[in-house]
Amino acid sequence: IDFYYDCDNNVISKNKINVTGMDNYLYGAGAIAHPTGGSGTTALNNMFVDNEIYVNGGYMAEGLVFGPGCNGTKALNNKVYLNADNVTYGVNLESSLNSVLMDNVISMQSDVVYGIEAYGSNGNIIESNTISGEGKLVSGFVGVKTNNNIIQKNTITSDGSDADKSISRDVIKASNSGIYLEGASKGNFIDSNIITTKLGYPVDLSTDSTGNTITNNYLKGSKGS
């Protein structure tokens, strides 16, 4: 299910989406206002609620995708199950603003796993989600150039084996972590999460990601707790 360009105020609810194939790029549902760097069209205030999404692919599988200009999106109480050989993304936020991701269950298996990825995506509320992944490099939330997000009351389980640190599937660094921020990500509020990592840090920030608040979390990992 996909919405392109001037696609505002839609409700996508109570669907069962099952995608299986060997195409390099498979996904369940999403919206985009315009191509990267474009303008003039919108994708505002769309709601994805109570959907079940199953994606099984060869190279890459994504559950929900919200692209450039996709602002004010709400993804609530969805169940996302992904399996791919190389890389999975539970929810992908790319240059989208002010999304609410709440009460979703995301379960993934792949070499490289990103539970929620935010690239240049600001002002999001990510709350009360259950995110789990198994693979070589697994991260529950990864953000690059992402600012002023509220990440709270989530349960994140990162079960990574770290068998091959040289794996690269994305411009965003793959790592074993619960929450990882880089690219001068600032002003993020990380609160009251339960994060368990088999390997790596539960919360890992690059040296240029400053001004973030990390408080009241339960953190357990091999490199810190």
N, C-alpha and C. Protein backbone atom coordinates (compact mmCIF):
# COMPACT_ATOMS: atom_id res chain seq x y z
N ILE A 1 0.87 -1.18 0.00
CA ILE A 1 0.00 0.00 0.00
C ILE A 1 0.90 1.22 0.00
N ASP A 2 0.79 2.05 -1.01
CA ASP A 2 1.69 3.20 -1.12
C ASP A 2 0.92 4.42 -1.59
N PHE A 3 1.25 5.58 -1.02
CA PHE A 3 0.63 6.85 -1.40
C PHE A 3 1.71 7.80 -1.88
N TYR A 4 1.50 8.37 -3.07
CA TYR A 4 2.46 9.27 -3.68
C TYR A 4 1.83 10.62 -3.95
N TYR A 5 2.50 11.73 -3.50
CA TYR A 5 2.27 13.08 -3.99
C TYR A 5 0.83 13.57 -3.76
N ASP A 6 0.70 14.64 -3.00
CA ASP A 6 -0.60 15.23 -2.66
C ASP A 6 -1.57 14.17 -2.15
N CYS A 7 -1.10 13.42 -1.18
CA CYS A 7 -1.88 12.33 -0.61
C CYS A 7 -2.08 12.61 0.88
N ASP A 8 -3.06 13.42 1.22
CA ASP A 8 -3.26 13.88 2.58
C ASP A 8 -4.48 13.24 3.22
N ASN A 9 -4.42 13.12 4.57
CA ASN A 9 -5.59 12.76 5.38
C ASN A 9 -6.20 11.40 5.04
N ASN A 10 -5.36 10.43 4.75
CA ASN A 10 -5.83 9.07 4.51
C ASN A 10 -5.72 8.22 5.77
N VAL A 11 -6.60 7.23 5.90
CA VAL A 11 -6.55 6.28 7.00
C VAL A 11 -6.38 4.89 6.43
N ILE A 12 -5.29 4.23 6.81
CA ILE A 12 -5.00 2.87 6.37
C ILE A 12 -5.09 2.01 7.61
N SER A 13 -6.16 1.23 7.71
CA SER A 13 -6.48 0.58 8.98
C SER A 13 -6.95 -0.85 8.79
N LYS A 14 -6.51 -1.72 9.71
CA LYS A 14 -6.99 -3.09 9.83
C LYS A 14 -6.79 -3.91 8.57
N ASN A 15 -5.66 -3.70 7.92
CA ASN A 15 -5.28 -4.51 6.77
C ASN A 15 -4.27 -5.58 7.18
N LYS A 16 -4.30 -6.69 6.48
CA LYS A 16 -3.27 -7.71 6.62
C LYS A 16 -2.48 -7.74 5.32
N ILE A 17 -1.22 -7.33 5.40
CA ILE A 17 -0.37 -7.16 4.23
C ILE A 17 0.72 -8.21 4.26
N ASN A 18 0.78 -9.03 3.22
CA ASN A 18 1.77 -10.10 3.17
C ASN A 18 2.51 -10.00 1.84
N VAL A 19 3.80 -9.66 1.92
CA VAL A 19 4.62 -9.47 0.72
C VAL A 19 5.78 -10.45 0.77
N THR A 20 5.92 -11.26 -0.26
CA THR A 20 7.01 -12.21 -0.36
C THR A 20 7.57 -12.17 -1.78
N GLY A 21 8.88 -12.09 -1.92
CA GLY A 21 9.47 -12.08 -3.25
C GLY A 21 10.97 -11.97 -3.18
N MET A 22 11.61 -11.93 -4.34
CA MET A 22 13.06 -11.85 -4.42
C MET A 22 13.53 -10.53 -5.02
N ASP A 23 12.62 -9.56 -5.18
CA ASP A 23 13.03 -8.23 -5.62
C ASP A 23 13.99 -7.63 -4.58
N ASN A 24 14.87 -6.75 -5.02
CA ASN A 24 15.84 -6.16 -4.10
C ASN A 24 15.21 -5.27 -3.04
N TYR A 25 14.01 -4.74 -3.30
CA TYR A 25 13.39 -3.79 -2.40
C TYR A 25 11.92 -4.13 -2.22
N LEU A 26 11.58 -4.65 -1.06
CA LEU A 26 10.19 -5.00 -0.75
C LEU A 26 9.75 -4.25 0.50
N TYR A 27 8.50 -3.79 0.49
CA TYR A 27 7.99 -3.08 1.67
C TYR A 27 6.49 -3.30 1.80
N GLY A 28 5.98 -2.97 3.00
CA GLY A 28 4.57 -3.21 3.28
C GLY A 28 3.66 -2.06 2.93
N ALA A 29 3.95 -0.87 3.49
CA ALA A 29 3.08 0.29 3.27
C ALA A 29 3.86 1.56 3.53
N GLY A 30 3.38 2.70 2.98
CA GLY A 30 4.05 3.95 3.23
C GLY A 30 3.48 5.10 2.43
N ALA A 31 4.16 6.25 2.56
CA ALA A 31 3.73 7.46 1.85
C ALA A 31 4.94 8.33 1.58
N ILE A 32 4.85 9.13 0.53
CA ILE A 32 5.91 10.07 0.18
C ILE A 32 5.27 11.27 -0.51
N ALA A 33 5.76 12.48 -0.17
CA ALA A 33 5.20 13.69 -0.78
C ALA A 33 5.88 14.03 -2.09
N HIS A 34 7.19 13.81 -2.15
CA HIS A 34 7.96 14.17 -3.35
C HIS A 34 9.32 13.50 -3.27
N PRO A 35 10.04 13.41 -4.38
CA PRO A 35 11.38 12.82 -4.34
C PRO A 35 12.30 13.63 -3.44
N THR A 36 13.39 13.02 -3.01
CA THR A 36 14.38 13.72 -2.20
C THR A 36 14.85 14.98 -2.92
N GLY A 37 14.78 16.12 -2.22
CA GLY A 37 15.18 17.39 -2.81
C GLY A 37 14.07 18.09 -3.55
N GLY A 38 12.91 17.44 -3.69
CA GLY A 38 11.79 18.04 -4.41
C GLY A 38 10.93 18.89 -3.49
N SER A 39 9.82 19.43 -4.05
CA SER A 39 8.89 20.24 -3.28
C SER A 39 7.60 20.40 -4.09
N GLY A 40 6.62 21.05 -3.47
CA GLY A 40 5.40 21.41 -4.19
C GLY A 40 4.26 20.44 -4.02
N THR A 41 4.50 19.26 -3.50
CA THR A 41 3.42 18.31 -3.23
C THR A 41 3.53 17.85 -1.78
N THR A 42 2.44 17.32 -1.24
CA THR A 42 2.38 17.03 0.19
C THR A 42 1.91 15.60 0.45
N ALA A 43 2.21 15.15 1.67
CA ALA A 43 1.69 13.87 2.20
C ALA A 43 1.48 14.11 3.70
N LEU A 44 0.35 14.71 4.05
CA LEU A 44 0.13 15.22 5.40
C LEU A 44 -0.92 14.42 6.15
N ASN A 45 -0.63 14.20 7.43
CA ASN A 45 -1.64 13.71 8.39
C ASN A 45 -2.27 12.38 7.99
N ASN A 46 -1.46 11.48 7.46
CA ASN A 46 -1.95 10.14 7.15
C ASN A 46 -1.82 9.25 8.39
N MET A 47 -2.74 8.28 8.51
CA MET A 47 -2.76 7.39 9.67
C MET A 47 -2.67 5.93 9.23
N PHE A 48 -1.76 5.20 9.86
CA PHE A 48 -1.60 3.76 9.62
C PHE A 48 -1.87 3.08 10.96
N VAL A 49 -3.02 2.41 11.08
CA VAL A 49 -3.51 1.95 12.38
C VAL A 49 -3.96 0.50 12.31
N ASP A 50 -3.52 -0.31 13.28
CA ASP A 50 -4.02 -1.68 13.46
C ASP A 50 -3.80 -2.57 12.24
N ASN A 51 -2.69 -2.38 11.55
CA ASN A 51 -2.35 -3.23 10.41
C ASN A 51 -1.38 -4.33 10.83
N GLU A 52 -1.46 -5.47 10.13
CA GLU A 52 -0.47 -6.54 10.27
C GLU A 52 0.33 -6.60 8.98
N ILE A 53 1.64 -6.50 9.11
CA ILE A 53 2.50 -6.43 7.93
C ILE A 53 3.57 -7.52 8.01
N TYR A 54 3.61 -8.35 6.97
CA TYR A 54 4.61 -9.41 6.88
C TYR A 54 5.37 -9.21 5.57
N VAL A 55 6.69 -9.03 5.65
CA VAL A 55 7.50 -8.88 4.44
C VAL A 55 8.67 -9.85 4.53
N ASN A 56 8.79 -10.70 3.51
CA ASN A 56 9.88 -11.68 3.42
C ASN A 56 10.58 -11.48 2.08
N GLY A 57 11.83 -11.06 2.14
CA GLY A 57 12.52 -10.73 0.91
C GLY A 57 13.90 -11.33 0.80
N GLY A 58 14.52 -11.08 -0.34
CA GLY A 58 15.87 -11.54 -0.58
C GLY A 58 16.88 -10.56 -0.02
N TYR A 59 17.02 -9.38 -0.66
CA TYR A 59 18.02 -8.43 -0.20
C TYR A 59 17.52 -7.57 0.96
N MET A 60 16.38 -6.87 0.79
CA MET A 60 15.93 -5.92 1.79
C MET A 60 14.42 -5.99 2.00
N ALA A 61 14.00 -5.83 3.24
CA ALA A 61 12.58 -5.78 3.57
C ALA A 61 12.32 -4.61 4.51
N GLU A 62 11.28 -3.82 4.21
CA GLU A 62 10.87 -2.71 5.06
C GLU A 62 9.39 -2.88 5.42
N GLY A 63 9.04 -2.45 6.62
CA GLY A 63 7.64 -2.53 7.04
C GLY A 63 6.86 -1.30 6.62
N LEU A 64 7.15 -0.15 7.26
CA LEU A 64 6.51 1.12 6.96
C LEU A 64 7.56 2.11 6.52
N VAL A 65 7.25 2.88 5.46
CA VAL A 65 8.20 3.83 4.88
C VAL A 65 7.52 5.19 4.77
N PHE A 66 8.09 6.21 5.41
CA PHE A 66 7.56 7.57 5.32
C PHE A 66 8.66 8.47 4.80
N GLY A 67 8.51 8.91 3.55
CA GLY A 67 9.57 9.60 2.84
C GLY A 67 9.50 11.11 2.92
N PRO A 68 10.30 11.79 2.09
CA PRO A 68 10.40 13.25 2.14
C PRO A 68 9.04 13.94 2.05
N GLY A 69 8.84 14.91 2.94
CA GLY A 69 7.60 15.68 2.96
C GLY A 69 6.42 14.96 3.56
N CYS A 70 6.64 13.78 4.08
CA CYS A 70 5.56 13.00 4.70
C CYS A 70 5.48 13.44 6.17
N ASN A 71 4.64 14.41 6.47
CA ASN A 71 4.63 15.07 7.77
C ASN A 71 3.32 14.82 8.52
N GLY A 72 3.44 14.74 9.84
CA GLY A 72 2.26 14.55 10.67
C GLY A 72 1.65 13.17 10.58
N THR A 73 2.46 12.19 10.21
CA THR A 73 1.98 10.81 10.08
C THR A 73 1.80 10.18 11.45
N LYS A 74 0.78 9.33 11.59
CA LYS A 74 0.60 8.54 12.80
C LYS A 74 0.60 7.06 12.43
N ALA A 75 1.49 6.30 13.06
CA ALA A 75 1.52 4.85 12.91
C ALA A 75 1.27 4.25 14.29
N LEU A 76 0.09 3.66 14.47
CA LEU A 76 -0.37 3.26 15.79
C LEU A 76 -0.80 1.80 15.80
N ASN A 77 -0.27 1.06 16.75
CA ASN A 77 -0.74 -0.31 17.03
C ASN A 77 -0.64 -1.23 15.81
N ASN A 78 0.41 -1.06 15.04
CA ASN A 78 0.67 -1.97 13.93
C ASN A 78 1.60 -3.09 14.38
N LYS A 79 1.50 -4.22 13.70
CA LYS A 79 2.40 -5.34 13.94
C LYS A 79 3.19 -5.58 12.66
N VAL A 80 4.52 -5.53 12.79
CA VAL A 80 5.40 -5.62 11.63
C VAL A 80 6.38 -6.77 11.83
N TYR A 81 6.39 -7.71 10.88
CA TYR A 81 7.27 -8.87 10.95
C TYR A 81 8.07 -8.94 9.65
N LEU A 82 9.40 -8.88 9.77
CA LEU A 82 10.26 -8.80 8.60
C LEU A 82 11.34 -9.87 8.62
N ASN A 83 11.65 -10.37 7.42
CA ASN A 83 12.73 -11.33 7.26
C ASN A 83 13.38 -11.09 5.91
N ALA A 84 14.71 -10.93 5.90
CA ALA A 84 15.44 -10.75 4.64
C ALA A 84 16.86 -11.24 4.83
N ASP A 85 17.53 -11.51 3.71
CA ASP A 85 18.90 -12.01 3.79
C ASP A 85 19.88 -10.95 4.27
N ASN A 86 19.69 -9.69 3.81
CA ASN A 86 20.73 -8.68 4.01
C ASN A 86 20.38 -7.57 4.99
N VAL A 87 19.20 -6.95 4.85
CA VAL A 87 18.89 -5.80 5.71
C VAL A 87 17.38 -5.63 5.86
N THR A 88 16.95 -5.22 7.06
CA THR A 88 15.55 -4.92 7.31
C THR A 88 15.43 -3.56 8.01
N TYR A 89 14.30 -2.89 7.75
CA TYR A 89 13.93 -1.66 8.43
C TYR A 89 12.47 -1.81 8.88
N GLY A 90 12.24 -1.75 10.19
CA GLY A 90 10.86 -1.84 10.66
C GLY A 90 10.05 -0.64 10.22
N VAL A 91 10.54 0.56 10.55
CA VAL A 91 9.95 1.82 10.09
C VAL A 91 11.09 2.71 9.62
N ASN A 92 10.94 3.28 8.43
CA ASN A 92 11.96 4.15 7.85
C ASN A 92 11.40 5.56 7.73
N LEU A 93 11.99 6.50 8.48
CA LEU A 93 11.62 7.92 8.41
C LEU A 93 12.73 8.66 7.69
N GLU A 94 12.45 9.15 6.49
CA GLU A 94 13.47 9.86 5.71
C GLU A 94 12.97 11.26 5.37
N SER A 95 13.59 12.26 5.99
CA SER A 95 13.24 13.66 5.74
C SER A 95 11.75 13.90 5.95
N SER A 96 11.18 13.19 6.90
CA SER A 96 9.79 13.40 7.28
C SER A 96 9.77 14.04 8.66
N LEU A 97 8.66 14.74 8.99
CA LEU A 97 8.61 15.52 10.22
C LEU A 97 7.38 15.17 11.05
N ASN A 98 7.55 15.24 12.37
CA ASN A 98 6.43 15.23 13.32
C ASN A 98 5.55 13.98 13.20
N SER A 99 6.19 12.83 13.04
CA SER A 99 5.45 11.57 13.04
C SER A 99 5.24 11.09 14.48
N VAL A 100 4.17 10.32 14.68
CA VAL A 100 3.92 9.64 15.94
C VAL A 100 3.92 8.15 15.68
N LEU A 101 4.88 7.44 16.29
CA LEU A 101 4.96 5.98 16.20
C LEU A 101 4.70 5.45 17.60
N MET A 102 3.56 4.80 17.79
CA MET A 102 3.16 4.43 19.15
C MET A 102 2.48 3.07 19.16
N ASP A 103 2.84 2.25 20.16
CA ASP A 103 2.20 0.96 20.42
C ASP A 103 2.35 -0.03 19.27
N ASN A 104 3.43 0.09 18.51
CA ASN A 104 3.71 -0.85 17.43
C ASN A 104 4.60 -1.99 17.93
N VAL A 105 4.43 -3.16 17.32
CA VAL A 105 5.29 -4.31 17.58
C VAL A 105 6.09 -4.58 16.31
N ILE A 106 7.42 -4.58 16.44
CA ILE A 106 8.29 -4.75 15.28
C ILE A 106 9.26 -5.88 15.58
N SER A 107 9.24 -6.92 14.74
CA SER A 107 10.12 -8.08 14.92
C SER A 107 10.83 -8.36 13.60
N MET A 108 12.17 -8.52 13.64
CA MET A 108 12.95 -8.61 12.41
C MET A 108 14.07 -9.62 12.53
N GLN A 109 14.40 -10.23 11.37
CA GLN A 109 15.55 -11.11 11.25
C GLN A 109 16.27 -10.80 9.94
N SER A 110 17.58 -10.54 10.03
CA SER A 110 18.39 -10.26 8.84
C SER A 110 19.85 -10.14 9.26
N ASP A 111 20.76 -10.05 8.30
CA ASP A 111 22.16 -9.78 8.62
C ASP A 111 22.28 -8.45 9.38
N VAL A 112 21.67 -7.39 8.82
CA VAL A 112 21.68 -6.07 9.43
C VAL A 112 20.24 -5.65 9.70
N VAL A 113 19.98 -5.20 10.92
CA VAL A 113 18.62 -4.88 11.34
C VAL A 113 18.56 -3.45 11.88
N TYR A 114 17.64 -2.66 11.32
CA TYR A 114 17.31 -1.34 11.86
C TYR A 114 15.83 -1.38 12.27
N GLY A 115 15.57 -1.25 13.57
CA GLY A 115 14.18 -1.27 14.00
C GLY A 115 13.42 -0.07 13.48
N ILE A 116 13.86 1.12 13.88
CA ILE A 116 13.35 2.39 13.35
C ILE A 116 14.55 3.20 12.92
N GLU A 117 14.52 3.68 11.69
CA GLU A 117 15.59 4.55 11.19
C GLU A 117 15.03 5.94 10.92
N ALA A 118 15.73 6.96 11.40
CA ALA A 118 15.34 8.35 11.15
C ALA A 118 16.52 9.09 10.53
N TYR A 119 16.35 9.53 9.30
CA TYR A 119 17.40 10.27 8.60
C TYR A 119 16.87 11.67 8.26
N GLY A 120 17.44 12.68 8.89
CA GLY A 120 16.97 14.05 8.64
C GLY A 120 15.51 14.21 9.00
N SER A 121 15.07 13.47 10.00
CA SER A 121 13.65 13.44 10.38
C SER A 121 13.52 13.98 11.80
N ASN A 122 12.77 15.06 11.99
CA ASN A 122 12.75 15.77 13.27
C ASN A 122 11.36 15.81 13.89
N GLY A 123 11.34 16.02 15.21
CA GLY A 123 10.09 16.29 15.92
C GLY A 123 9.17 15.10 16.02
N ASN A 124 9.72 13.89 16.04
CA ASN A 124 8.89 12.69 16.10
C ASN A 124 8.66 12.25 17.55
N ILE A 125 7.54 11.58 17.79
CA ILE A 125 7.27 10.93 19.06
C ILE A 125 7.29 9.43 18.82
N ILE A 126 8.21 8.75 19.48
CA ILE A 126 8.38 7.30 19.34
C ILE A 126 8.18 6.71 20.72
N GLU A 127 7.00 6.13 20.95
CA GLU A 127 6.60 5.80 22.32
C GLU A 127 5.89 4.45 22.40
N SER A 128 6.25 3.70 23.44
CA SER A 128 5.55 2.45 23.80
C SER A 128 5.56 1.43 22.68
N ASN A 129 6.63 1.38 21.91
CA ASN A 129 6.81 0.36 20.89
C ASN A 129 7.64 -0.80 21.43
N THR A 130 7.39 -1.98 20.90
CA THR A 130 8.19 -3.15 21.23
C THR A 130 8.99 -3.54 19.99
N ILE A 131 10.31 -3.44 20.09
CA ILE A 131 11.18 -3.62 18.94
C ILE A 131 12.19 -4.72 19.26
N SER A 132 12.25 -5.75 18.42
CA SER A 132 13.22 -6.82 18.62
C SER A 132 13.83 -7.22 17.29
N GLY A 133 15.12 -7.57 17.34
CA GLY A 133 15.79 -7.97 16.12
C GLY A 133 16.87 -9.00 16.38
N GLU A 134 17.04 -9.89 15.40
CA GLU A 134 18.10 -10.89 15.43
C GLU A 134 18.91 -10.80 14.15
N GLY A 135 20.23 -10.83 14.29
CA GLY A 135 21.09 -10.77 13.12
C GLY A 135 22.53 -10.61 13.54
N LYS A 136 23.36 -10.19 12.59
CA LYS A 136 24.77 -9.93 12.90
C LYS A 136 24.94 -8.56 13.55
N LEU A 137 24.30 -7.54 12.97
CA LEU A 137 24.35 -6.18 13.50
C LEU A 137 22.91 -5.69 13.66
N VAL A 138 22.53 -5.39 14.88
CA VAL A 138 21.13 -5.09 15.20
C VAL A 138 21.04 -3.81 16.02
N SER A 139 20.22 -2.87 15.56
CA SER A 139 19.97 -1.65 16.33
C SER A 139 18.48 -1.37 16.37
N GLY A 140 17.98 -1.03 17.55
CA GLY A 140 16.55 -0.77 17.69
C GLY A 140 16.11 0.54 17.09
N PHE A 141 16.86 1.61 17.35
CA PHE A 141 16.59 2.93 16.76
C PHE A 141 17.90 3.53 16.31
N VAL A 142 17.95 3.98 15.06
CA VAL A 142 19.14 4.63 14.52
C VAL A 142 18.74 5.98 13.95
N GLY A 143 19.43 7.04 14.39
CA GLY A 143 19.13 8.38 13.90
C GLY A 143 20.36 9.10 13.40
N VAL A 144 20.23 9.76 12.24
CA VAL A 144 21.29 10.59 11.68
C VAL A 144 20.71 11.95 11.33
N LYS A 145 21.33 13.01 11.82
CA LYS A 145 20.82 14.37 11.58
C LYS A 145 19.36 14.46 11.97
N THR A 146 19.04 13.86 13.10
CA THR A 146 17.65 13.83 13.56
C THR A 146 17.56 14.53 14.91
N ASN A 147 16.66 15.51 15.01
CA ASN A 147 16.65 16.41 16.16
C ASN A 147 15.27 16.47 16.83
N ASN A 148 15.31 16.74 18.13
CA ASN A 148 14.10 17.08 18.89
C ASN A 148 13.04 15.98 18.84
N ASN A 149 13.48 14.74 18.94
CA ASN A 149 12.56 13.61 19.01
C ASN A 149 12.36 13.18 20.46
N ILE A 150 11.18 12.67 20.75
CA ILE A 150 10.89 12.06 22.04
C ILE A 150 10.87 10.55 21.84
N ILE A 151 11.78 9.84 22.51
CA ILE A 151 11.90 8.39 22.40
C ILE A 151 11.70 7.84 23.80
N GLN A 152 10.51 7.35 24.10
CA GLN A 152 10.23 6.99 25.49
C GLN A 152 9.31 5.78 25.60
N LYS A 153 9.49 5.06 26.70
CA LYS A 153 8.64 3.94 27.10
C LYS A 153 8.65 2.81 26.07
N ASN A 154 9.73 2.70 25.32
CA ASN A 154 9.88 1.60 24.36
C ASN A 154 10.63 0.44 25.00
N THR A 155 10.33 -0.76 24.50
CA THR A 155 11.09 -1.95 24.89
C THR A 155 11.88 -2.41 23.68
N ILE A 156 13.20 -2.38 23.79
CA ILE A 156 14.08 -2.68 22.67
C ILE A 156 15.00 -3.83 23.04
N THR A 157 15.00 -4.87 22.21
CA THR A 157 15.88 -6.02 22.41
C THR A 157 16.73 -6.21 21.17
N SER A 158 18.04 -6.05 21.32
CA SER A 158 18.99 -6.18 20.22
C SER A 158 19.79 -7.46 20.40
N ASP A 159 19.53 -8.44 19.55
CA ASP A 159 20.19 -9.75 19.66
C ASP A 159 21.14 -9.91 18.46
N GLY A 160 22.26 -9.21 18.53
CA GLY A 160 23.22 -9.25 17.44
C GLY A 160 24.42 -10.12 17.76
N SER A 161 24.90 -10.83 16.76
CA SER A 161 26.06 -11.71 16.95
C SER A 161 27.38 -11.01 16.63
N ASP A 162 27.30 -9.87 15.89
CA ASP A 162 28.50 -9.10 15.53
C ASP A 162 29.52 -9.96 14.79
N ALA A 163 29.01 -10.87 13.99
CA ALA A 163 29.90 -11.82 13.34
C ALA A 163 30.77 -11.17 12.25
N ASP A 164 30.30 -10.07 11.68
CA ASP A 164 31.05 -9.43 10.60
C ASP A 164 30.90 -7.92 10.71
N LYS A 165 31.84 -7.26 11.38
CA LYS A 165 31.73 -5.82 11.60
C LYS A 165 31.89 -5.02 10.31
N SER A 166 32.36 -5.64 9.24
CA SER A 166 32.57 -4.92 7.99
C SER A 166 31.31 -4.81 7.15
N ILE A 167 30.20 -5.37 7.61
CA ILE A 167 28.96 -5.32 6.85
C ILE A 167 28.52 -3.87 6.68
N SER A 168 28.17 -3.49 5.46
CA SER A 168 27.66 -2.15 5.20
C SER A 168 26.47 -2.26 4.26
N ARG A 169 25.29 -1.88 4.73
CA ARG A 169 24.08 -1.95 3.92
C ARG A 169 23.42 -0.59 3.73
N ASP A 170 23.96 0.47 4.36
CA ASP A 170 23.28 1.75 4.40
C ASP A 170 24.33 2.83 4.65
N VAL A 171 24.00 4.08 4.29
CA VAL A 171 24.89 5.18 4.63
C VAL A 171 24.96 5.36 6.14
N ILE A 172 23.92 4.90 6.85
CA ILE A 172 23.92 4.95 8.30
C ILE A 172 24.70 3.75 8.83
N LYS A 173 25.58 4.01 9.75
CA LYS A 173 26.43 2.98 10.33
C LYS A 173 25.58 1.85 10.92
N ALA A 174 25.97 0.63 10.63
CA ALA A 174 25.34 -0.53 11.27
C ALA A 174 26.13 -0.87 12.52
N SER A 175 25.40 -1.06 13.63
CA SER A 175 26.08 -1.39 14.88
C SER A 175 25.15 -2.19 15.76
N ASN A 176 25.71 -2.89 16.70
CA ASN A 176 24.89 -3.53 17.72
C ASN A 176 24.63 -2.50 18.82
N SER A 177 23.37 -2.12 18.97
CA SER A 177 23.01 -1.08 19.92
C SER A 177 21.50 -1.10 20.12
N GLY A 178 21.07 -0.47 21.20
CA GLY A 178 19.64 -0.25 21.39
C GLY A 178 19.18 1.00 20.66
N ILE A 179 19.83 2.13 20.99
CA ILE A 179 19.59 3.41 20.33
C ILE A 179 20.94 3.97 19.92
N TYR A 180 21.05 4.37 18.65
CA TYR A 180 22.31 4.93 18.14
C TYR A 180 22.03 6.24 17.42
N LEU A 181 22.76 7.31 17.80
CA LEU A 181 22.62 8.62 17.16
C LEU A 181 23.96 9.07 16.62
N GLU A 182 23.94 9.63 15.41
CA GLU A 182 25.14 10.21 14.83
C GLU A 182 24.75 11.39 13.96
N GLY A 183 25.76 12.01 13.31
CA GLY A 183 25.47 13.10 12.38
C GLY A 183 24.96 14.35 13.05
N ALA A 184 25.52 14.68 14.23
CA ALA A 184 25.12 15.90 14.95
C ALA A 184 23.64 15.91 15.28
N SER A 185 23.13 14.77 15.73
CA SER A 185 21.74 14.68 16.19
C SER A 185 21.64 15.35 17.56
N LYS A 186 20.70 16.29 17.71
CA LYS A 186 20.64 17.11 18.92
C LYS A 186 19.21 17.23 19.46
N GLY A 187 19.14 17.50 20.76
CA GLY A 187 17.87 17.83 21.39
C GLY A 187 16.90 16.67 21.50
N ASN A 188 17.40 15.44 21.46
CA ASN A 188 16.54 14.27 21.58
C ASN A 188 16.36 13.89 23.05
N PHE A 189 15.15 13.45 23.40
CA PHE A 189 14.79 13.10 24.77
C PHE A 189 14.55 11.61 24.84
N ILE A 190 15.45 10.88 25.50
CA ILE A 190 15.42 9.42 25.57
C ILE A 190 15.10 9.06 27.02
N ASP A 191 13.87 8.59 27.25
CA ASP A 191 13.39 8.48 28.63
C ASP A 191 12.56 7.21 28.84
N SER A 192 12.80 6.55 29.98
CA SER A 192 11.93 5.47 30.46
C SER A 192 11.82 4.31 29.47
N ASN A 193 12.89 4.03 28.76
CA ASN A 193 12.94 2.87 27.86
C ASN A 193 13.56 1.67 28.58
N ILE A 194 13.19 0.48 28.13
CA ILE A 194 13.82 -0.75 28.60
C ILE A 194 14.63 -1.31 27.43
N ILE A 195 15.95 -1.28 27.55
CA ILE A 195 16.82 -1.62 26.42
C ILE A 195 17.80 -2.70 26.84
N THR A 196 17.80 -3.80 26.09
CA THR A 196 18.71 -4.91 26.34
C THR A 196 19.47 -5.21 25.05
N THR A 197 20.79 -5.22 25.12
CA THR A 197 21.61 -5.54 23.96
C THR A 197 22.53 -6.71 24.29
N LYS A 198 22.53 -7.69 23.40
CA LYS A 198 23.43 -8.83 23.58
C LYS A 198 24.88 -8.39 23.42
N LEU A 199 25.12 -7.51 22.45
CA LEU A 199 26.44 -6.93 22.21
C LEU A 199 26.26 -5.42 22.02
N GLY A 200 27.30 -4.66 22.29
CA GLY A 200 27.26 -3.22 22.07
C GLY A 200 26.62 -2.47 23.23
N TYR A 201 26.49 -1.15 23.03
CA TYR A 201 25.95 -0.27 24.05
C TYR A 201 24.42 -0.18 23.93
N PRO A 202 23.70 -0.14 25.04
CA PRO A 202 22.26 0.10 24.96
C PRO A 202 21.92 1.45 24.32
N VAL A 203 22.68 2.50 24.69
CA VAL A 203 22.54 3.81 24.06
C VAL A 203 23.94 4.26 23.64
N ASP A 204 24.09 4.61 22.36
CA ASP A 204 25.40 4.93 21.80
C ASP A 204 25.27 6.23 20.99
N LEU A 205 26.01 7.26 21.37
CA LEU A 205 25.96 8.55 20.69
C LEU A 205 27.34 8.89 20.13
N SER A 206 27.36 9.38 18.90
CA SER A 206 28.62 9.84 18.32
C SER A 206 29.07 11.12 19.02
N THR A 207 30.33 11.46 18.88
CA THR A 207 30.88 12.63 19.59
C THR A 207 30.24 13.94 19.15
N ASP A 208 29.69 14.00 17.93
CA ASP A 208 29.07 15.24 17.47
C ASP A 208 27.57 15.31 17.76
N SER A 209 27.03 14.28 18.39
CA SER A 209 25.62 14.30 18.78
C SER A 209 25.55 14.78 20.23
N THR A 210 25.19 16.05 20.41
CA THR A 210 25.25 16.69 21.72
C THR A 210 23.89 17.28 22.09
N GLY A 211 23.75 17.62 23.38
CA GLY A 211 22.52 18.26 23.84
C GLY A 211 21.33 17.33 23.91
N ASN A 212 21.58 16.03 23.99
CA ASN A 212 20.51 15.05 24.13
C ASN A 212 20.33 14.70 25.61
N THR A 213 19.11 14.33 26.00
CA THR A 213 18.81 13.97 27.38
C THR A 213 18.49 12.48 27.47
N ILE A 214 19.19 11.77 28.35
CA ILE A 214 18.99 10.34 28.55
C ILE A 214 18.70 10.13 30.03
N THR A 215 17.48 9.72 30.37
CA THR A 215 17.09 9.67 31.77
C THR A 215 16.08 8.56 32.04
N ASN A 216 16.15 7.97 33.22
CA ASN A 216 15.15 7.02 33.72
C ASN A 216 14.99 5.77 32.86
N ASN A 217 16.05 5.36 32.18
CA ASN A 217 16.00 4.16 31.35
C ASN A 217 16.56 2.95 32.10
N TYR A 218 16.07 1.75 31.74
CA TYR A 218 16.70 0.51 32.17
C TYR A 218 17.59 0.06 31.03
N LEU A 219 18.90 0.01 31.26
CA LEU A 219 19.87 -0.29 30.21
C LEU A 219 20.72 -1.47 30.61
N LYS A 220 20.75 -2.49 29.76
CA LYS A 220 21.56 -3.66 30.03
C LYS A 220 22.25 -4.09 28.74
N GLY A 221 23.59 -4.12 28.77
CA GLY A 221 24.33 -4.52 27.58
C GLY A 221 25.73 -4.93 27.93
N SER A 222 26.41 -5.57 26.98
CA SER A 222 27.75 -6.07 27.24
C SER A 222 28.77 -4.94 27.39
N LYS A 223 28.45 -3.75 26.83
CA LYS A 223 29.38 -2.63 26.92
C LYS A 223 28.88 -1.52 27.81
N GLY A 224 27.96 -1.82 28.69
CA GLY A 224 27.50 -0.80 29.62
C GLY A 224 26.07 -1.03 30.01
N SER A 225 25.72 -0.52 31.18
CA SER A 225 24.35 -0.67 31.64
C SER A 225 24.01 0.47 32.59
